[in-house]
Amino acid sequence: MAPDLILASASPRRRELLERLGLRLRIAPVDIDESPRPDEPAEIYVRRLAAEKCAAAVAQLPSDDAAAPVLAADTTVTLDRRIFGKPADDAEAAAMLNTLAGRRHEVITATCIRRGDATIERAVTTTVTFRLIAPTEVAAYVASGEWRGKAGGYAIQGIAAVFASDIRGSLTNVIGLPICETIADLRAAGALPSWPVPAFGVSAP
């Protein structure tokens, strides 16, 4: 059976958010250079990466999938115009958490949807406030390893929820995909003709 969507991402969080709605996915991650350009604003950065990921995924589609809808996304954390990517090691993860502690930062996710000749792009911003975090909490969080592969060095859907005192905007955006806006854009592109699937794909007890 043909998938509803080709997801150009290896993120298990994005996959889970979409599959929870009963969507059938084909996972087709791409490998691009994710380095920010000098003085590149965070929103421009994530929009560029989402567009580049989508284009790379479309370029590697087999000919019989040329009209299939493709979704790519990129998420970053930003504070004081600084882009917080994925920490390379324990020390960088601790430094990021210490910088975010007691302050308000922004999480921006850009999405790019391509279906045939149509392209829909969007960037969603959520404001997150972290309470003050004790050094022992920072050390314990770094030791948990949850930060690995996460922009900003934390996972709001996991242990790091204990640090967030306020979230303004889409929670799923902080997780990695603004699901409300993404579904709206997919429907606008005509990519989900059978939306919603019966019971959102959940079997009755």
N, C-alpha and C. Protein backbone atom coordinates (compact mmCIF):
# COMPACT_ATOMS: atom_id res chain seq x y z
N MET A 1 0.84 -1.19 0.00
CA MET A 1 0.00 0.00 0.00
C MET A 1 0.88 1.25 0.00
N ALA A 2 0.52 2.22 -0.80
CA ALA A 2 1.31 3.44 -0.92
C ALA A 2 1.25 4.24 0.38
N PRO A 3 2.36 4.88 0.77
CA PRO A 3 2.35 5.67 2.00
C PRO A 3 1.57 6.96 1.81
N ASP A 4 1.08 7.50 2.93
CA ASP A 4 0.43 8.81 2.88
C ASP A 4 1.45 9.92 2.69
N LEU A 5 2.67 9.64 3.14
CA LEU A 5 3.66 10.70 3.21
C LEU A 5 5.06 10.12 3.23
N ILE A 6 5.98 10.80 2.56
CA ILE A 6 7.39 10.45 2.65
C ILE A 6 8.03 11.45 3.62
N LEU A 7 8.58 10.96 4.71
CA LEU A 7 9.17 11.80 5.74
C LEU A 7 10.67 11.83 5.57
N ALA A 8 11.19 12.99 5.22
CA ALA A 8 12.63 13.15 4.99
C ALA A 8 13.32 13.47 6.31
N SER A 9 13.20 12.55 7.24
CA SER A 9 13.78 12.74 8.57
C SER A 9 13.95 11.41 9.26
N ALA A 10 15.03 11.28 10.02
CA ALA A 10 15.26 10.07 10.80
C ALA A 10 14.78 10.25 12.23
N SER A 11 14.16 11.40 12.54
CA SER A 11 13.74 11.69 13.90
C SER A 11 12.62 10.75 14.36
N PRO A 12 12.85 9.98 15.42
CA PRO A 12 11.78 9.11 15.91
C PRO A 12 10.62 9.91 16.49
N ARG A 13 10.89 11.13 16.94
CA ARG A 13 9.82 11.96 17.51
C ARG A 13 8.87 12.45 16.43
N ARG A 14 9.40 12.89 15.31
CA ARG A 14 8.53 13.32 14.21
C ARG A 14 7.73 12.13 13.68
N ARG A 15 8.39 11.01 13.57
CA ARG A 15 7.71 9.81 13.08
C ARG A 15 6.56 9.43 14.00
N GLU A 16 6.80 9.46 15.31
CA GLU A 16 5.77 9.09 16.27
C GLU A 16 4.59 10.05 16.22
N LEU A 17 4.85 11.35 16.11
CA LEU A 17 3.77 12.33 16.07
C LEU A 17 2.85 12.09 14.88
N LEU A 18 3.42 11.74 13.74
CA LEU A 18 2.63 11.51 12.53
C LEU A 18 1.94 10.15 12.55
N GLU A 19 2.65 9.12 12.98
CA GLU A 19 2.05 7.78 13.00
C GLU A 19 0.96 7.67 14.05
N ARG A 20 1.04 8.49 15.09
CA ARG A 20 0.00 8.49 16.11
C ARG A 20 -1.35 8.90 15.53
N LEU A 21 -1.33 9.62 14.42
CA LEU A 21 -2.55 10.06 13.75
C LEU A 21 -3.04 9.04 12.72
N GLY A 22 -2.35 7.92 12.64
CA GLY A 22 -2.76 6.87 11.71
C GLY A 22 -2.18 7.01 10.32
N LEU A 23 -1.21 7.90 10.13
CA LEU A 23 -0.63 8.09 8.80
C LEU A 23 0.41 7.00 8.51
N ARG A 24 0.40 6.54 7.28
CA ARG A 24 1.40 5.57 6.81
C ARG A 24 2.58 6.35 6.24
N LEU A 25 3.76 6.09 6.77
CA LEU A 25 4.94 6.84 6.38
C LEU A 25 5.97 5.97 5.66
N ARG A 26 6.70 6.60 4.78
CA ARG A 26 7.94 6.02 4.28
C ARG A 26 9.06 6.94 4.76
N ILE A 27 10.01 6.40 5.49
CA ILE A 27 11.08 7.19 6.06
C ILE A 27 12.24 7.27 5.07
N ALA A 28 12.61 8.48 4.69
CA ALA A 28 13.67 8.68 3.71
C ALA A 28 14.57 9.82 4.15
N PRO A 29 15.38 9.60 5.19
CA PRO A 29 16.24 10.68 5.68
C PRO A 29 17.31 11.04 4.67
N VAL A 30 17.74 12.29 4.73
CA VAL A 30 18.80 12.76 3.84
C VAL A 30 19.94 13.31 4.68
N ASP A 31 21.10 13.37 4.08
CA ASP A 31 22.29 13.85 4.79
C ASP A 31 22.76 15.13 4.13
N ILE A 32 22.64 16.26 4.84
CA ILE A 32 23.11 17.53 4.31
C ILE A 32 23.98 18.21 5.36
N ASP A 33 24.72 19.22 4.94
CA ASP A 33 25.52 20.02 5.87
C ASP A 33 24.58 20.94 6.65
N GLU A 34 24.53 20.79 7.97
CA GLU A 34 23.62 21.57 8.79
C GLU A 34 24.31 22.73 9.50
N SER A 35 25.49 23.09 9.04
CA SER A 35 26.22 24.20 9.66
C SER A 35 25.55 25.53 9.36
N PRO A 36 25.35 26.38 10.38
CA PRO A 36 24.81 27.72 10.11
C PRO A 36 25.81 28.55 9.32
N ARG A 37 25.30 29.43 8.50
CA ARG A 37 26.17 30.38 7.80
C ARG A 37 26.51 31.54 8.73
N PRO A 38 27.60 32.25 8.48
CA PRO A 38 27.98 33.36 9.36
C PRO A 38 26.84 34.39 9.49
N ASP A 39 26.48 34.70 10.75
CA ASP A 39 25.46 35.71 11.07
C ASP A 39 24.08 35.35 10.52
N GLU A 40 23.84 34.07 10.25
CA GLU A 40 22.54 33.65 9.72
C GLU A 40 21.50 33.64 10.84
N PRO A 41 20.40 34.39 10.71
CA PRO A 41 19.35 34.37 11.73
C PRO A 41 18.76 32.97 11.87
N ALA A 42 18.30 32.66 13.08
CA ALA A 42 17.82 31.31 13.37
C ALA A 42 16.68 30.89 12.46
N GLU A 43 15.71 31.78 12.22
CA GLU A 43 14.57 31.38 11.39
C GLU A 43 14.99 31.15 9.94
N ILE A 44 15.87 31.99 9.44
CA ILE A 44 16.37 31.80 8.07
C ILE A 44 17.13 30.49 7.98
N TYR A 45 17.89 30.19 9.03
CA TYR A 45 18.67 28.95 9.09
C TYR A 45 17.78 27.72 9.00
N VAL A 46 16.75 27.64 9.85
CA VAL A 46 15.91 26.43 9.84
C VAL A 46 15.08 26.34 8.56
N ARG A 47 14.64 27.48 8.05
CA ARG A 47 13.90 27.46 6.78
C ARG A 47 14.79 26.93 5.65
N ARG A 48 16.02 27.37 5.63
CA ARG A 48 16.95 26.91 4.58
C ARG A 48 17.19 25.42 4.69
N LEU A 49 17.43 24.93 5.91
CA LEU A 49 17.70 23.50 6.06
C LEU A 49 16.50 22.65 5.70
N ALA A 50 15.30 23.09 6.11
CA ALA A 50 14.10 22.32 5.77
C ALA A 50 13.92 22.24 4.26
N ALA A 51 14.15 23.37 3.57
CA ALA A 51 14.02 23.40 2.11
C ALA A 51 15.08 22.53 1.45
N GLU A 52 16.31 22.56 1.97
CA GLU A 52 17.38 21.76 1.38
C GLU A 52 17.14 20.26 1.61
N LYS A 53 16.65 19.92 2.78
CA LYS A 53 16.33 18.51 3.06
C LYS A 53 15.22 18.01 2.14
N CYS A 54 14.20 18.86 1.97
CA CYS A 54 13.08 18.46 1.11
C CYS A 54 13.55 18.27 -0.33
N ALA A 55 14.35 19.21 -0.83
CA ALA A 55 14.85 19.11 -2.20
C ALA A 55 15.70 17.86 -2.38
N ALA A 56 16.54 17.55 -1.39
CA ALA A 56 17.38 16.36 -1.49
C ALA A 56 16.54 15.09 -1.49
N ALA A 57 15.49 15.07 -0.66
CA ALA A 57 14.62 13.90 -0.62
C ALA A 57 13.87 13.71 -1.93
N VAL A 58 13.37 14.82 -2.50
CA VAL A 58 12.65 14.76 -3.77
C VAL A 58 13.59 14.26 -4.87
N ALA A 59 14.82 14.72 -4.85
CA ALA A 59 15.78 14.35 -5.89
C ALA A 59 16.10 12.86 -5.89
N GLN A 60 15.97 12.21 -4.75
CA GLN A 60 16.30 10.78 -4.70
C GLN A 60 15.07 9.87 -4.80
N LEU A 61 13.90 10.46 -5.04
CA LEU A 61 12.69 9.66 -5.19
C LEU A 61 12.75 8.84 -6.49
N PRO A 62 12.32 7.60 -6.46
CA PRO A 62 12.18 6.84 -7.71
C PRO A 62 11.10 7.48 -8.57
N SER A 63 11.15 7.26 -9.87
CA SER A 63 10.24 7.92 -10.80
C SER A 63 8.78 7.64 -10.50
N ASP A 64 8.46 6.46 -9.99
CA ASP A 64 7.06 6.13 -9.74
C ASP A 64 6.53 6.81 -8.47
N ASP A 65 7.43 7.46 -7.70
CA ASP A 65 7.01 8.20 -6.51
C ASP A 65 7.13 9.71 -6.71
N ALA A 66 7.29 10.13 -7.94
CA ALA A 66 7.57 11.55 -8.22
C ALA A 66 6.46 12.47 -7.72
N ALA A 67 5.23 11.99 -7.65
CA ALA A 67 4.11 12.83 -7.21
C ALA A 67 3.79 12.65 -5.73
N ALA A 68 4.55 11.82 -5.02
CA ALA A 68 4.27 11.57 -3.61
C ALA A 68 4.59 12.80 -2.77
N PRO A 69 3.78 13.08 -1.74
CA PRO A 69 4.07 14.21 -0.87
C PRO A 69 5.30 13.94 -0.01
N VAL A 70 6.17 14.94 0.09
CA VAL A 70 7.39 14.82 0.87
C VAL A 70 7.39 15.90 1.94
N LEU A 71 7.73 15.52 3.17
CA LEU A 71 7.81 16.45 4.29
C LEU A 71 9.21 16.43 4.87
N ALA A 72 9.81 17.62 5.00
CA ALA A 72 11.09 17.77 5.68
C ALA A 72 10.94 18.84 6.74
N ALA A 73 11.74 18.74 7.78
CA ALA A 73 11.65 19.71 8.88
C ALA A 73 13.01 19.89 9.53
N ASP A 74 13.16 21.02 10.20
CA ASP A 74 14.37 21.27 10.98
C ASP A 74 13.99 22.11 12.19
N THR A 75 14.57 21.78 13.33
CA THR A 75 14.27 22.47 14.58
C THR A 75 15.55 23.02 15.19
N THR A 76 15.46 24.24 15.73
CA THR A 76 16.59 24.79 16.45
C THR A 76 16.11 25.57 17.65
N VAL A 77 17.01 25.77 18.59
CA VAL A 77 16.77 26.58 19.78
C VAL A 77 17.60 27.85 19.63
N THR A 78 17.02 28.98 20.01
CA THR A 78 17.76 30.23 19.88
C THR A 78 17.57 31.12 21.10
N LEU A 79 18.63 31.78 21.48
CA LEU A 79 18.62 32.72 22.60
C LEU A 79 19.66 33.79 22.31
N ASP A 80 19.25 35.05 22.42
CA ASP A 80 20.16 36.17 22.15
C ASP A 80 20.81 36.04 20.77
N ARG A 81 20.01 35.64 19.79
CA ARG A 81 20.44 35.50 18.40
C ARG A 81 21.47 34.38 18.20
N ARG A 82 21.68 33.58 19.21
CA ARG A 82 22.61 32.44 19.10
C ARG A 82 21.81 31.19 18.77
N ILE A 83 22.34 30.39 17.87
CA ILE A 83 21.70 29.13 17.49
C ILE A 83 22.29 28.00 18.32
N PHE A 84 21.40 27.27 19.01
CA PHE A 84 21.83 26.13 19.81
C PHE A 84 21.47 24.86 19.04
N GLY A 85 22.48 24.21 18.49
CA GLY A 85 22.24 22.98 17.75
C GLY A 85 22.29 21.77 18.66
N LYS A 86 22.74 20.67 18.14
CA LYS A 86 22.83 19.44 18.92
C LYS A 86 24.20 19.39 19.59
N PRO A 87 24.26 19.24 20.90
CA PRO A 87 25.55 19.20 21.60
C PRO A 87 26.43 18.06 21.11
N ALA A 88 27.72 18.35 21.04
CA ALA A 88 28.65 17.34 20.56
C ALA A 88 29.09 16.40 21.66
N ASP A 89 29.04 16.87 22.93
CA ASP A 89 29.52 16.05 24.04
C ASP A 89 28.89 16.51 25.34
N ASP A 90 29.27 15.85 26.43
CA ASP A 90 28.70 16.17 27.74
C ASP A 90 28.94 17.62 28.13
N ALA A 91 30.15 18.10 27.88
CA ALA A 91 30.50 19.46 28.29
C ALA A 91 29.63 20.49 27.56
N GLU A 92 29.42 20.28 26.28
CA GLU A 92 28.60 21.23 25.51
C GLU A 92 27.14 21.14 25.94
N ALA A 93 26.66 19.94 26.25
CA ALA A 93 25.28 19.78 26.72
C ALA A 93 25.08 20.52 28.04
N ALA A 94 26.03 20.40 28.96
CA ALA A 94 25.94 21.10 30.24
C ALA A 94 26.00 22.61 30.04
N ALA A 95 26.85 23.07 29.14
CA ALA A 95 26.97 24.50 28.89
C ALA A 95 25.68 25.07 28.33
N MET A 96 25.04 24.33 27.42
CA MET A 96 23.78 24.80 26.85
C MET A 96 22.70 24.90 27.93
N LEU A 97 22.60 23.87 28.76
CA LEU A 97 21.57 23.86 29.79
C LEU A 97 21.80 24.99 30.79
N ASN A 98 23.04 25.23 31.15
CA ASN A 98 23.36 26.32 32.07
C ASN A 98 23.02 27.68 31.46
N THR A 99 23.19 27.82 30.15
CA THR A 99 22.86 29.07 29.48
C THR A 99 21.36 29.30 29.43
N LEU A 100 20.60 28.24 29.20
CA LEU A 100 19.14 28.35 29.09
C LEU A 100 18.46 28.48 30.46
N ALA A 101 19.13 28.03 31.51
CA ALA A 101 18.53 28.01 32.85
C ALA A 101 18.16 29.42 33.31
N GLY A 102 16.93 29.55 33.83
CA GLY A 102 16.47 30.82 34.37
C GLY A 102 16.13 31.86 33.32
N ARG A 103 16.03 31.44 32.07
CA ARG A 103 15.79 32.39 30.99
C ARG A 103 14.72 31.87 30.03
N ARG A 104 14.25 32.77 29.19
CA ARG A 104 13.25 32.44 28.17
C ARG A 104 13.95 32.33 26.82
N HIS A 105 13.71 31.23 26.11
CA HIS A 105 14.30 31.05 24.79
C HIS A 105 13.22 30.68 23.78
N GLU A 106 13.60 30.63 22.53
CA GLU A 106 12.66 30.28 21.47
C GLU A 106 13.07 28.98 20.79
N VAL A 107 12.07 28.19 20.44
CA VAL A 107 12.27 26.98 19.64
C VAL A 107 11.56 27.21 18.31
N ILE A 108 12.31 27.08 17.24
CA ILE A 108 11.76 27.32 15.90
C ILE A 108 11.87 26.04 15.08
N THR A 109 10.75 25.61 14.52
CA THR A 109 10.75 24.49 13.59
C THR A 109 10.25 24.98 12.24
N ALA A 110 11.01 24.71 11.22
CA ALA A 110 10.59 25.02 9.85
C ALA A 110 10.22 23.72 9.16
N THR A 111 9.15 23.77 8.38
CA THR A 111 8.73 22.62 7.59
C THR A 111 8.68 23.00 6.11
N CYS A 112 8.92 22.01 5.28
CA CYS A 112 8.81 22.19 3.83
C CYS A 112 8.11 20.97 3.26
N ILE A 113 7.02 21.21 2.58
CA ILE A 113 6.23 20.14 1.97
C ILE A 113 6.28 20.31 0.45
N ARG A 114 6.59 19.23 -0.23
CA ARG A 114 6.62 19.25 -1.69
C ARG A 114 5.69 18.16 -2.21
N ARG A 115 4.78 18.54 -3.08
CA ARG A 115 3.89 17.57 -3.73
C ARG A 115 3.75 17.97 -5.18
N GLY A 116 4.38 17.22 -6.05
CA GLY A 116 4.40 17.61 -7.46
C GLY A 116 5.13 18.93 -7.62
N ASP A 117 4.48 19.90 -8.26
CA ASP A 117 5.08 21.22 -8.46
C ASP A 117 4.77 22.18 -7.32
N ALA A 118 3.97 21.75 -6.35
CA ALA A 118 3.56 22.63 -5.26
C ALA A 118 4.50 22.50 -4.06
N THR A 119 4.83 23.64 -3.46
CA THR A 119 5.67 23.67 -2.26
C THR A 119 5.01 24.57 -1.22
N ILE A 120 4.95 24.06 0.00
CA ILE A 120 4.43 24.86 1.11
C ILE A 120 5.48 24.89 2.21
N GLU A 121 5.87 26.10 2.61
CA GLU A 121 6.88 26.27 3.65
C GLU A 121 6.29 27.05 4.82
N ARG A 122 6.78 26.75 6.01
CA ARG A 122 6.29 27.43 7.20
C ARG A 122 7.35 27.35 8.31
N ALA A 123 7.36 28.34 9.18
CA ALA A 123 8.18 28.30 10.38
C ALA A 123 7.30 28.64 11.57
N VAL A 124 7.38 27.83 12.62
CA VAL A 124 6.58 28.01 13.83
C VAL A 124 7.52 28.24 15.01
N THR A 125 7.19 29.22 15.84
CA THR A 125 8.02 29.56 16.99
C THR A 125 7.25 29.35 18.29
N THR A 126 7.89 28.70 19.24
CA THR A 126 7.34 28.50 20.58
C THR A 126 8.33 29.09 21.58
N THR A 127 7.81 29.80 22.56
CA THR A 127 8.65 30.38 23.60
C THR A 127 8.64 29.47 24.83
N VAL A 128 9.82 29.12 25.30
CA VAL A 128 9.97 28.23 26.45
C VAL A 128 10.77 28.93 27.54
N THR A 129 10.27 28.88 28.78
CA THR A 129 11.00 29.44 29.91
C THR A 129 11.48 28.32 30.81
N PHE A 130 12.77 28.33 31.11
CA PHE A 130 13.34 27.37 32.05
C PHE A 130 13.52 28.05 33.41
N ARG A 131 13.18 27.34 34.45
CA ARG A 131 13.48 27.83 35.80
C ARG A 131 14.97 27.74 36.04
N LEU A 132 15.43 28.27 37.18
CA LEU A 132 16.82 28.08 37.57
C LEU A 132 17.08 26.59 37.78
N ILE A 133 18.21 26.12 37.32
CA ILE A 133 18.53 24.69 37.41
C ILE A 133 19.79 24.52 38.24
N ALA A 134 19.70 23.70 39.27
CA ALA A 134 20.83 23.48 40.17
C ALA A 134 21.94 22.72 39.46
N PRO A 135 23.19 22.96 39.82
CA PRO A 135 24.31 22.22 39.21
C PRO A 135 24.15 20.71 39.30
N THR A 136 23.60 20.23 40.40
CA THR A 136 23.40 18.78 40.53
C THR A 136 22.36 18.27 39.53
N GLU A 137 21.36 19.10 39.21
CA GLU A 137 20.35 18.73 38.22
C GLU A 137 20.96 18.72 36.82
N VAL A 138 21.80 19.70 36.55
CA VAL A 138 22.48 19.73 35.25
C VAL A 138 23.32 18.46 35.08
N ALA A 139 24.09 18.12 36.10
CA ALA A 139 24.94 16.94 36.02
C ALA A 139 24.12 15.67 35.84
N ALA A 140 23.01 15.58 36.56
CA ALA A 140 22.16 14.39 36.46
C ALA A 140 21.53 14.28 35.08
N TYR A 141 21.12 15.43 34.53
CA TYR A 141 20.49 15.41 33.21
C TYR A 141 21.50 15.01 32.14
N VAL A 142 22.69 15.57 32.22
CA VAL A 142 23.72 15.22 31.25
C VAL A 142 24.04 13.73 31.34
N ALA A 143 24.10 13.22 32.58
CA ALA A 143 24.40 11.79 32.76
C ALA A 143 23.29 10.89 32.21
N SER A 144 22.06 11.42 32.12
CA SER A 144 20.95 10.61 31.59
C SER A 144 21.11 10.32 30.10
N GLY A 145 21.83 11.19 29.41
CA GLY A 145 22.03 11.01 27.97
C GLY A 145 20.85 11.41 27.11
N GLU A 146 19.78 11.91 27.74
CA GLU A 146 18.58 12.27 26.97
C GLU A 146 18.84 13.38 25.97
N TRP A 147 19.83 14.20 26.23
CA TRP A 147 20.14 15.36 25.39
C TRP A 147 20.73 14.99 24.04
N ARG A 148 21.21 13.79 23.90
CA ARG A 148 21.91 13.41 22.66
C ARG A 148 20.99 13.54 21.44
N GLY A 149 21.48 14.22 20.42
CA GLY A 149 20.73 14.38 19.18
C GLY A 149 19.59 15.38 19.27
N LYS A 150 19.54 16.19 20.34
CA LYS A 150 18.44 17.13 20.53
C LYS A 150 18.95 18.56 20.39
N ALA A 151 18.27 19.37 19.58
CA ALA A 151 18.61 20.78 19.48
C ALA A 151 18.45 21.44 20.83
N GLY A 152 19.42 22.24 21.23
CA GLY A 152 19.37 22.88 22.52
C GLY A 152 19.80 22.00 23.67
N GLY A 153 20.01 20.72 23.38
CA GLY A 153 20.49 19.80 24.41
C GLY A 153 19.45 19.34 25.40
N TYR A 154 18.16 19.33 24.99
CA TYR A 154 17.14 18.82 25.90
C TYR A 154 15.95 18.28 25.12
N ALA A 155 15.16 17.43 25.81
CA ALA A 155 13.94 16.87 25.23
C ALA A 155 12.78 17.25 26.13
N ILE A 156 11.92 18.13 25.66
CA ILE A 156 10.81 18.63 26.48
C ILE A 156 9.82 17.52 26.81
N GLN A 157 9.73 16.50 25.95
CA GLN A 157 8.79 15.41 26.19
C GLN A 157 9.33 14.39 27.18
N GLY A 158 10.55 14.62 27.64
CA GLY A 158 11.18 13.68 28.56
C GLY A 158 11.46 14.29 29.91
N ILE A 159 12.62 13.98 30.45
CA ILE A 159 13.01 14.46 31.78
C ILE A 159 13.05 15.98 31.83
N ALA A 160 13.46 16.62 30.74
CA ALA A 160 13.63 18.07 30.73
C ALA A 160 12.34 18.84 30.98
N ALA A 161 11.20 18.17 30.93
CA ALA A 161 9.94 18.84 31.25
C ALA A 161 9.97 19.42 32.66
N VAL A 162 10.78 18.85 33.53
CA VAL A 162 10.86 19.33 34.91
C VAL A 162 11.51 20.70 34.99
N PHE A 163 12.21 21.13 33.93
CA PHE A 163 12.87 22.43 33.94
C PHE A 163 12.00 23.54 33.36
N ALA A 164 10.95 23.18 32.62
CA ALA A 164 10.16 24.17 31.88
C ALA A 164 9.03 24.72 32.76
N SER A 165 9.12 25.99 33.09
CA SER A 165 8.09 26.62 33.92
C SER A 165 6.99 27.25 33.09
N ASP A 166 7.25 27.47 31.81
CA ASP A 166 6.23 28.10 30.96
C ASP A 166 6.51 27.77 29.50
N ILE A 167 5.44 27.44 28.77
CA ILE A 167 5.55 27.18 27.33
C ILE A 167 4.46 27.98 26.63
N ARG A 168 4.84 28.85 25.72
CA ARG A 168 3.87 29.66 24.99
C ARG A 168 3.90 29.25 23.52
N GLY A 169 2.84 28.57 23.09
CA GLY A 169 2.76 28.12 21.71
C GLY A 169 2.66 26.61 21.62
N SER A 170 3.01 26.09 20.47
CA SER A 170 2.86 24.67 20.18
C SER A 170 3.87 23.82 20.95
N LEU A 171 3.36 22.87 21.75
CA LEU A 171 4.24 21.94 22.45
C LEU A 171 4.91 20.99 21.47
N THR A 172 4.16 20.49 20.48
CA THR A 172 4.76 19.54 19.53
C THR A 172 5.84 20.21 18.69
N ASN A 173 5.77 21.53 18.55
CA ASN A 173 6.83 22.26 17.87
C ASN A 173 8.15 22.09 18.61
N VAL A 174 8.10 22.13 19.95
CA VAL A 174 9.30 21.96 20.75
C VAL A 174 9.80 20.52 20.66
N ILE A 175 8.87 19.58 20.53
CA ILE A 175 9.25 18.17 20.37
C ILE A 175 9.93 17.93 19.02
N GLY A 176 9.55 18.73 18.01
CA GLY A 176 10.23 18.59 16.72
C GLY A 176 9.36 18.76 15.50
N LEU A 177 8.02 18.88 15.69
CA LEU A 177 7.14 19.06 14.54
C LEU A 177 5.83 19.71 15.00
N PRO A 178 5.52 20.91 14.53
CA PRO A 178 4.24 21.53 14.90
C PRO A 178 3.10 20.81 14.20
N ILE A 179 2.54 19.81 14.87
CA ILE A 179 1.66 18.86 14.20
C ILE A 179 0.38 19.52 13.67
N CYS A 180 -0.20 20.47 14.42
CA CYS A 180 -1.42 21.15 13.97
C CYS A 180 -1.18 21.86 12.64
N GLU A 181 -0.12 22.65 12.57
CA GLU A 181 0.17 23.41 11.37
C GLU A 181 0.61 22.50 10.22
N THR A 182 1.35 21.45 10.54
CA THR A 182 1.83 20.54 9.50
C THR A 182 0.67 19.81 8.82
N ILE A 183 -0.28 19.32 9.61
CA ILE A 183 -1.44 18.65 9.02
C ILE A 183 -2.24 19.63 8.17
N ALA A 184 -2.40 20.87 8.65
CA ALA A 184 -3.12 21.87 7.87
C ALA A 184 -2.45 22.11 6.52
N ASP A 185 -1.12 22.17 6.52
CA ASP A 185 -0.40 22.41 5.26
C ASP A 185 -0.47 21.20 4.35
N LEU A 186 -0.40 20.00 4.91
CA LEU A 186 -0.52 18.79 4.09
C LEU A 186 -1.89 18.72 3.43
N ARG A 187 -2.92 19.07 4.18
CA ARG A 187 -4.28 19.06 3.61
C ARG A 187 -4.42 20.14 2.55
N ALA A 188 -3.81 21.31 2.79
CA ALA A 188 -3.86 22.39 1.80
C ALA A 188 -3.18 21.97 0.50
N ALA A 189 -2.16 21.11 0.61
CA ALA A 189 -1.46 20.61 -0.57
C ALA A 189 -2.18 19.44 -1.22
N GLY A 190 -3.30 19.02 -0.63
CA GLY A 190 -4.04 17.88 -1.18
C GLY A 190 -3.36 16.56 -0.94
N ALA A 191 -2.50 16.52 0.09
CA ALA A 191 -1.69 15.33 0.33
C ALA A 191 -2.40 14.28 1.18
N LEU A 192 -3.51 14.65 1.82
CA LEU A 192 -4.21 13.70 2.70
C LEU A 192 -5.68 13.62 2.29
N PRO A 193 -5.95 13.04 1.13
CA PRO A 193 -7.33 13.01 0.64
C PRO A 193 -8.29 12.21 1.51
N SER A 194 -7.77 11.27 2.29
CA SER A 194 -8.64 10.43 3.13
C SER A 194 -8.62 10.86 4.59
N TRP A 195 -8.19 12.08 4.85
CA TRP A 195 -8.10 12.57 6.24
C TRP A 195 -9.49 12.78 6.82
N PRO A 196 -9.73 12.40 8.09
CA PRO A 196 -8.84 11.56 8.91
C PRO A 196 -9.10 10.08 8.65
N VAL A 197 -8.12 9.26 8.95
CA VAL A 197 -8.34 7.82 8.83
C VAL A 197 -9.31 7.43 9.94
N PRO A 198 -10.08 6.35 9.77
CA PRO A 198 -11.03 5.94 10.79
C PRO A 198 -10.38 5.78 12.17
N ALA A 199 -10.97 6.47 13.15
CA ALA A 199 -10.49 6.41 14.55
C ALA A 199 -9.02 6.81 14.66
N PHE A 200 -8.54 7.59 13.68
CA PHE A 200 -7.12 7.98 13.65
C PHE A 200 -6.20 6.77 13.73
N GLY A 201 -6.67 5.66 13.17
CA GLY A 201 -5.84 4.46 13.11
C GLY A 201 -5.78 3.66 14.39
N VAL A 202 -6.56 4.07 15.40
CA VAL A 202 -6.54 3.37 16.69
C VAL A 202 -7.66 2.33 16.71
N SER A 203 -7.31 1.10 17.01
CA SER A 203 -8.31 0.04 17.08
C SER A 203 -9.16 0.19 18.34
N ALA A 204 -10.43 -0.07 18.21
CA ALA A 204 -11.33 0.00 19.37
C ALA A 204 -10.98 -1.12 20.35
N PRO A 205 -11.11 -0.86 21.66
CA PRO A 205 -10.80 -1.90 22.64
C PRO A 205 -11.82 -3.04 22.56
